[in-house]
Protein backbone atom coordinates (compact mmCIF):
# COMPACT_ATOMS: atom_id res chain seq x y z
CA MET A 1 103.12 281.37 -59.39
CA TYR A 2 104.91 284.12 -57.35
CA LEU A 3 101.36 285.71 -56.37
CA CYS A 4 100.67 282.37 -54.97
CA ASN A 5 103.61 282.13 -53.08
CA ALA A 6 103.71 285.78 -51.91
CA LYS A 7 100.07 284.72 -50.32
CA LEU A 8 101.16 281.66 -48.86
CA ARG A 9 104.34 283.39 -47.39
CA SER A 10 102.11 286.55 -46.09
CA GLY A 11 99.44 283.85 -44.24
CA PHE A 12 102.44 282.18 -43.04
CA ILE A 13 103.96 285.15 -41.40
CA PHE A 14 100.60 286.55 -40.26
CA PHE A 15 100.35 282.75 -38.49
CA GLU A 16 103.78 282.97 -37.08
CA VAL A 17 103.21 286.58 -35.65
CA ARG A 18 100.07 285.76 -34.24
CA ARG A 19 101.44 282.34 -32.57
CA LEU A 20 104.36 284.52 -31.00
CA ILE A 21 101.74 287.20 -29.92
CA ASN A 22 99.71 284.24 -28.06
CA LYS A 23 103.06 282.85 -26.93
CA HIS A 24 103.85 285.99 -25.09
CA LEU A 25 100.30 286.54 -23.72
CA ILE A 26 100.68 283.02 -22.12
CA GLN A 27 103.73 283.69 -20.83
CA ARG A 28 102.32 287.17 -19.30
CA LYS A 29 99.61 285.11 -18.00
CA LEU A 30 101.90 282.61 -15.92
CA LEU A 31 103.69 285.72 -14.60
CA MET A 32 100.89 287.57 -13.48
CA GLU A 33 99.15 284.46 -11.26
CA LYS A 34 98.82 285.32 -7.88
CA ARG A 35 100.14 283.65 -4.91
CA ILE A 36 99.32 283.66 -1.38
CA GLY A 37 102.24 283.96 1.27
CA THR A 38 103.36 286.11 4.33
CA VAL A 39 105.14 288.91 4.69
CA SER A 40 107.45 289.97 8.15
CA ILE A 41 108.20 293.41 8.72
CA LEU A 42 110.75 294.23 11.63
CA ILE A 43 110.94 297.78 12.55
CA SER A 44 113.73 299.14 14.64
CA ASP A 45 113.32 302.97 14.06
CA THR A 46 109.70 304.08 14.93
CA SER A 47 110.48 307.36 12.80
CA VAL A 48 109.49 305.42 9.72
CA VAL A 49 106.42 303.84 10.94
CA PRO A 50 104.47 306.71 9.07
CA GLU A 51 106.16 305.76 5.76
CA VAL A 52 105.60 302.20 6.29
CA ASN A 53 101.92 302.85 6.94
CA ARG A 54 101.74 304.58 3.67
CA ILE A 55 103.46 302.07 1.70
CA LEU A 56 100.99 299.24 3.22
CA SER A 57 98.24 301.60 2.44
CA ASP A 58 99.20 301.72 -1.45
CA PHE A 59 99.43 298.02 -1.36
CA GLY A 60 96.18 297.52 0.53
CA ALA A 61 94.36 295.57 -2.15
CA MET A 62 96.66 292.62 -2.04
CA ILE A 63 96.76 292.47 1.74
CA ILE A 64 94.25 289.82 3.37
CA ALA A 65 95.63 290.40 7.16
CA ARG A 66 97.64 292.53 9.03
CA GLN A 67 98.94 291.74 12.56
CA GLY A 68 101.14 294.26 14.32
CA VAL A 69 102.89 293.91 17.68
CA PRO A 70 105.14 296.58 19.61
CA MET A 71 108.24 295.06 21.40
CA HIS A 72 108.66 298.25 23.32
CA GLN A 73 110.86 296.25 25.75
CA HIS A 74 113.12 295.05 23.04
CA GLY A 75 112.96 298.37 21.12
CA PHE A 76 111.26 297.41 17.98
CA ASN A 77 107.83 296.66 16.24
CA ILE A 78 106.90 293.51 14.20
CA ILE A 79 103.98 293.74 11.53
CA THR A 80 103.01 290.43 9.96
CA LEU A 81 100.97 290.31 6.75
CA ILE A 82 99.10 288.00 4.94
CA ILE A 83 98.96 288.72 1.24
CA GLU A 84 97.57 287.51 -2.23
CA GLY A 85 99.04 288.93 -5.12
CA THR A 86 102.08 288.52 -8.17
CA THR A 87 105.28 288.33 -7.30
CA ASP A 88 105.99 291.36 -9.07
CA GLU A 89 103.46 293.12 -6.84
CA LEU A 90 105.28 291.59 -3.51
CA SER A 91 108.70 292.43 -4.88
CA SER A 92 107.48 295.82 -5.31
CA LEU A 93 105.87 296.02 -2.01
CA THR A 94 108.93 294.36 -0.07
CA GLY A 95 111.43 296.55 -2.06
CA LYS A 96 110.30 299.79 -1.23
CA LEU A 97 109.87 298.48 2.55
CA GLY A 98 113.41 297.14 2.40
CA ARG A 99 114.65 300.67 1.17
CA LEU A 100 113.77 302.46 4.23
CA GLN A 101 116.29 303.02 7.16
CA GLY A 102 115.57 300.56 10.14
CA VAL A 103 113.43 298.48 8.44
CA GLU A 104 113.99 294.64 7.51
CA VAL A 105 111.54 292.66 5.66
CA LYS A 106 111.12 289.25 5.06
CA SER A 107 108.60 287.45 2.61
CA MET A 108 107.63 283.86 2.02
CA LEU A 109 105.15 282.81 -0.95
CA ALA A 110 103.54 279.56 -1.45
CA LYS A 111 104.36 277.74 -4.35
CA THR A 112 100.77 276.89 -5.71
CA LYS A 113 99.09 279.60 -7.72
CA THR A 114 95.82 280.82 -6.77
CA VAL A 115 92.87 281.13 -9.54
CA ASN A 116 92.60 284.75 -10.82
CA SER A 117 89.60 286.42 -10.48
């Protein structure tokens, strides 16, 4: 009788562990879903432009389109991006850019998610 209960318990524990792992994987997949959005970058200190370009190159896989407009008469440059990536990737990109002196960053993501490929 104890052996039977032990087998039932170990099977139940295995089932519970497997259920928790599946739940974790589903939650992780939901966090990794990609979104499409825009990033606006305003650069008021042109000395950081090479560093901005290096960071953008590091995240090049998520950049769909990029447009840069020098506003010499106003003393700054504007870069706009269309991106597709996870919220974690976007946070990493905007965080690295936002820490640079003389750089302001704003982003916007669509509420709908894209299909992972």
